[in-house]
Amino acid sequence: MSETRGRIDLPKFREVHKEQRERAKAGPEGYTLVQRAVIRLVEDQLKEARVGEYTIQCDEAKSRRGGGKAPSPLQYFVAAAGF
């Protein structure tokens, strides 16, 4: 197990932050970020999203008439708040 697990690599973090500040000084295009998700319905409430190079799924719990095969949209939202 890595000794850095659960810790922020401060030198790397500072370098990324410095690069972002330099890009921002170049003008508003330094702040531009475009994200796109392509969503498809797989079955019932099970959906699949392609975001960049990643594919993720979301579903609803069986109690909400979903299949319970993946986290719900609300569960993703709660996790995102922690990220």
N, C-alpha and C. Protein backbone atom coordinates (compact mmCIF):
# COMPACT_ATOMS: atom_id res chain seq x y z
N MET A 1 0.85 -1.18 0.00
CA MET A 1 0.00 0.00 0.00
C MET A 1 0.89 1.24 0.00
N SER A 2 0.52 2.21 -0.79
CA SER A 2 1.31 3.43 -0.92
C SER A 2 1.22 4.27 0.35
N GLU A 3 2.34 4.87 0.73
CA GLU A 3 2.36 5.74 1.91
C GLU A 3 1.64 7.06 1.66
N THR A 4 1.44 7.43 0.39
CA THR A 4 0.79 8.70 0.07
C THR A 4 -0.72 8.57 -0.08
N ARG A 5 -1.24 7.37 0.11
CA ARG A 5 -2.68 7.18 -0.04
C ARG A 5 -3.42 8.06 0.96
N GLY A 6 -4.42 8.79 0.46
CA GLY A 6 -5.20 9.66 1.32
C GLY A 6 -4.56 11.00 1.60
N ARG A 7 -3.43 11.26 0.96
CA ARG A 7 -2.75 12.54 1.17
C ARG A 7 -2.64 13.29 -0.15
N ILE A 8 -2.66 14.58 -0.07
CA ILE A 8 -2.51 15.42 -1.26
C ILE A 8 -1.02 15.62 -1.52
N ASP A 9 -0.63 15.43 -2.76
CA ASP A 9 0.76 15.68 -3.18
C ASP A 9 0.90 17.19 -3.35
N LEU A 10 1.33 17.89 -2.30
CA LEU A 10 1.36 19.35 -2.31
C LEU A 10 2.23 19.94 -3.42
N PRO A 11 3.44 19.44 -3.68
CA PRO A 11 4.22 20.02 -4.79
C PRO A 11 3.49 19.90 -6.14
N LYS A 12 2.85 18.76 -6.38
CA LYS A 12 2.11 18.58 -7.62
C LYS A 12 0.90 19.52 -7.66
N PHE A 13 0.19 19.63 -6.55
CA PHE A 13 -0.97 20.52 -6.46
C PHE A 13 -0.57 21.96 -6.74
N ARG A 14 0.54 22.40 -6.14
CA ARG A 14 1.02 23.78 -6.35
C ARG A 14 1.40 24.02 -7.80
N GLU A 15 2.02 23.04 -8.43
CA GLU A 15 2.43 23.18 -9.84
C GLU A 15 1.21 23.30 -10.75
N VAL A 16 0.21 22.47 -10.53
CA VAL A 16 -1.02 22.55 -11.32
C VAL A 16 -1.70 23.90 -11.11
N HIS A 17 -1.76 24.36 -9.86
CA HIS A 17 -2.37 25.65 -9.55
C HIS A 17 -1.61 26.79 -10.25
N LYS A 18 -0.30 26.72 -10.24
CA LYS A 18 0.52 27.74 -10.90
C LYS A 18 0.25 27.76 -12.41
N GLU A 19 0.16 26.58 -13.02
CA GLU A 19 -0.12 26.51 -14.46
C GLU A 19 -1.49 27.10 -14.78
N GLN A 20 -2.48 26.82 -13.94
CA GLN A 20 -3.83 27.35 -14.15
C GLN A 20 -3.84 28.87 -14.04
N ARG A 21 -3.11 29.43 -13.09
CA ARG A 21 -3.02 30.89 -12.94
C ARG A 21 -2.39 31.51 -14.17
N GLU A 22 -1.34 30.89 -14.70
CA GLU A 22 -0.67 31.43 -15.89
C GLU A 22 -1.60 31.41 -17.10
N ARG A 23 -2.37 30.33 -17.27
CA ARG A 23 -3.32 30.26 -18.38
C ARG A 23 -4.40 31.33 -18.23
N ALA A 24 -4.84 31.57 -17.00
CA ALA A 24 -5.89 32.56 -16.76
C ALA A 24 -5.40 33.97 -17.10
N LYS A 25 -4.14 34.24 -16.89
CA LYS A 25 -3.58 35.56 -17.21
C LYS A 25 -3.62 35.83 -18.71
N ALA A 26 -3.65 34.77 -19.52
CA ALA A 26 -3.66 34.92 -20.98
C ALA A 26 -5.01 35.45 -21.48
N GLY A 27 -6.04 35.37 -20.67
CA GLY A 27 -7.34 35.86 -21.08
C GLY A 27 -8.44 34.89 -20.72
N PRO A 28 -9.69 35.22 -21.09
CA PRO A 28 -10.83 34.39 -20.69
C PRO A 28 -10.76 32.97 -21.23
N GLU A 29 -10.09 32.76 -22.35
CA GLU A 29 -9.99 31.41 -22.90
C GLU A 29 -9.25 30.47 -21.94
N GLY A 30 -8.49 31.03 -21.04
CA GLY A 30 -7.81 30.22 -20.03
C GLY A 30 -8.78 29.60 -19.03
N TYR A 31 -10.01 30.14 -18.97
CA TYR A 31 -11.02 29.62 -18.06
C TYR A 31 -12.02 28.69 -18.74
N THR A 32 -11.90 28.54 -20.04
CA THR A 32 -12.89 27.76 -20.78
C THR A 32 -12.70 26.27 -20.55
N LEU A 33 -13.77 25.61 -20.17
CA LEU A 33 -13.77 24.17 -19.98
C LEU A 33 -15.07 23.64 -20.57
N VAL A 34 -14.97 22.71 -21.49
CA VAL A 34 -16.14 22.14 -22.13
C VAL A 34 -16.22 20.66 -21.78
N GLN A 35 -17.35 20.25 -21.24
CA GLN A 35 -17.60 18.85 -20.94
C GLN A 35 -18.85 18.42 -21.68
N ARG A 36 -18.83 17.18 -22.15
CA ARG A 36 -19.98 16.67 -22.87
C ARG A 36 -20.24 15.26 -22.40
N ALA A 37 -21.51 14.94 -22.21
CA ALA A 37 -21.91 13.58 -21.85
C ALA A 37 -22.93 13.09 -22.87
N VAL A 38 -22.75 11.88 -23.33
CA VAL A 38 -23.70 11.24 -24.23
C VAL A 38 -24.41 10.16 -23.41
N ILE A 39 -25.72 10.30 -23.27
CA ILE A 39 -26.50 9.43 -22.41
C ILE A 39 -27.39 8.53 -23.27
N ARG A 40 -27.48 7.25 -22.86
CA ARG A 40 -28.42 6.36 -23.53
C ARG A 40 -29.17 5.54 -22.49
N LEU A 41 -30.43 5.27 -22.78
CA LEU A 41 -31.25 4.44 -21.91
C LEU A 41 -30.95 2.98 -22.24
N VAL A 42 -30.54 2.22 -21.25
CA VAL A 42 -30.20 0.81 -21.45
C VAL A 42 -31.46 -0.03 -21.28
N GLU A 43 -32.13 0.12 -20.15
CA GLU A 43 -33.39 -0.58 -19.87
C GLU A 43 -34.06 0.07 -18.67
N ASP A 44 -35.37 0.03 -18.64
CA ASP A 44 -36.14 0.61 -17.53
C ASP A 44 -35.53 1.96 -17.11
N GLN A 45 -34.94 2.03 -15.91
CA GLN A 45 -34.34 3.28 -15.44
C GLN A 45 -32.81 3.23 -15.47
N LEU A 46 -32.24 2.16 -16.01
CA LEU A 46 -30.79 2.04 -16.11
C LEU A 46 -30.30 2.86 -17.31
N LYS A 47 -29.42 3.81 -17.01
CA LYS A 47 -28.87 4.68 -18.06
C LYS A 47 -27.36 4.55 -18.08
N GLU A 48 -26.78 4.82 -19.25
CA GLU A 48 -25.33 4.77 -19.41
C GLU A 48 -24.87 6.11 -19.98
N ALA A 49 -23.81 6.64 -19.41
CA ALA A 49 -23.27 7.92 -19.88
C ALA A 49 -21.83 7.74 -20.32
N ARG A 50 -21.49 8.32 -21.45
CA ARG A 50 -20.11 8.39 -21.89
C ARG A 50 -19.65 9.81 -21.68
N VAL A 51 -18.64 9.97 -20.83
CA VAL A 51 -18.09 11.28 -20.50
C VAL A 51 -16.59 11.20 -20.75
N GLY A 52 -16.15 11.84 -21.82
CA GLY A 52 -14.74 11.72 -22.19
C GLY A 52 -14.40 10.27 -22.45
N GLU A 53 -13.40 9.78 -21.77
CA GLU A 53 -12.97 8.40 -21.98
C GLU A 53 -13.64 7.42 -21.02
N TYR A 54 -14.57 7.91 -20.20
CA TYR A 54 -15.19 7.08 -19.18
C TYR A 54 -16.63 6.74 -19.54
N THR A 55 -17.06 5.56 -19.11
CA THR A 55 -18.45 5.14 -19.24
C THR A 55 -18.95 4.84 -17.84
N ILE A 56 -20.05 5.46 -17.46
CA ILE A 56 -20.64 5.24 -16.14
C ILE A 56 -22.12 4.91 -16.32
N GLN A 57 -22.67 4.25 -15.33
CA GLN A 57 -24.09 3.90 -15.35
C GLN A 57 -24.77 4.45 -14.11
N CYS A 58 -26.06 4.70 -14.22
CA CYS A 58 -26.86 5.04 -13.05
C CYS A 58 -28.20 4.34 -13.18
N ASP A 59 -28.78 4.05 -12.04
CA ASP A 59 -30.04 3.33 -11.98
C ASP A 59 -30.76 3.82 -10.73
N GLU A 60 -31.95 3.40 -10.55
CA GLU A 60 -32.68 3.69 -9.32
C GLU A 60 -32.76 2.41 -8.50
N ALA A 61 -32.98 2.56 -7.21
CA ALA A 61 -33.13 1.42 -6.32
C ALA A 61 -34.39 0.63 -6.70
N LYS A 62 -34.40 -0.65 -6.33
CA LYS A 62 -35.57 -1.49 -6.61
C LYS A 62 -36.82 -0.91 -5.96
N SER A 63 -36.66 -0.26 -4.80
CA SER A 63 -37.80 0.35 -4.13
C SER A 63 -38.40 1.50 -4.93
N ARG A 64 -37.63 2.04 -5.87
CA ARG A 64 -38.11 3.12 -6.75
C ARG A 64 -38.38 2.61 -8.15
N ARG A 65 -38.57 1.28 -8.25
CA ARG A 65 -38.87 0.58 -9.50
C ARG A 65 -37.71 0.57 -10.49
N GLY A 66 -36.51 0.71 -9.96
CA GLY A 66 -35.31 0.56 -10.79
C GLY A 66 -34.77 -0.85 -10.62
N GLY A 67 -33.65 -1.10 -11.22
CA GLY A 67 -33.04 -2.42 -11.13
C GLY A 67 -32.00 -2.53 -10.03
N GLY A 68 -31.58 -1.38 -9.47
CA GLY A 68 -30.56 -1.38 -8.43
C GLY A 68 -29.20 -1.85 -8.92
N LYS A 69 -28.94 -1.68 -10.22
CA LYS A 69 -27.69 -2.18 -10.82
C LYS A 69 -26.54 -1.18 -10.75
N ALA A 70 -26.82 0.05 -10.37
CA ALA A 70 -25.79 1.09 -10.34
C ALA A 70 -26.27 2.18 -9.37
N PRO A 71 -25.38 3.08 -8.96
CA PRO A 71 -25.81 4.17 -8.08
C PRO A 71 -26.89 5.03 -8.74
N SER A 72 -27.71 5.64 -7.91
CA SER A 72 -28.76 6.53 -8.43
C SER A 72 -28.14 7.89 -8.75
N PRO A 73 -28.86 8.71 -9.53
CA PRO A 73 -28.34 10.07 -9.79
C PRO A 73 -28.09 10.84 -8.50
N LEU A 74 -28.95 10.69 -7.49
CA LEU A 74 -28.74 11.39 -6.22
C LEU A 74 -27.48 10.89 -5.52
N GLN A 75 -27.20 9.60 -5.59
CA GLN A 75 -25.98 9.07 -4.98
C GLN A 75 -24.74 9.63 -5.66
N TYR A 76 -24.78 9.78 -6.99
CA TYR A 76 -23.66 10.41 -7.70
C TYR A 76 -23.50 11.86 -7.26
N PHE A 77 -24.62 12.56 -7.10
CA PHE A 77 -24.57 13.96 -6.69
C PHE A 77 -23.94 14.10 -5.30
N VAL A 78 -24.35 13.23 -4.38
CA VAL A 78 -23.80 13.28 -3.02
C VAL A 78 -22.30 13.00 -3.05
N ALA A 79 -21.89 12.00 -3.83
CA ALA A 79 -20.47 11.69 -3.94
C ALA A 79 -19.70 12.86 -4.55
N ALA A 80 -20.28 13.50 -5.56
CA ALA A 80 -19.62 14.63 -6.22
C ALA A 80 -19.37 15.77 -5.24
N ALA A 81 -20.28 15.98 -4.32
CA ALA A 81 -20.10 17.04 -3.33
C ALA A 81 -18.86 16.76 -2.47
N GLY A 82 -18.55 15.49 -2.27
CA GLY A 82 -17.37 15.13 -1.49
C GLY A 82 -16.08 15.23 -2.27
N PHE A 83 -16.18 15.16 -3.59
CA PHE A 83 -14.98 15.25 -4.41
C PHE A 83 -14.51 16.68 -4.50
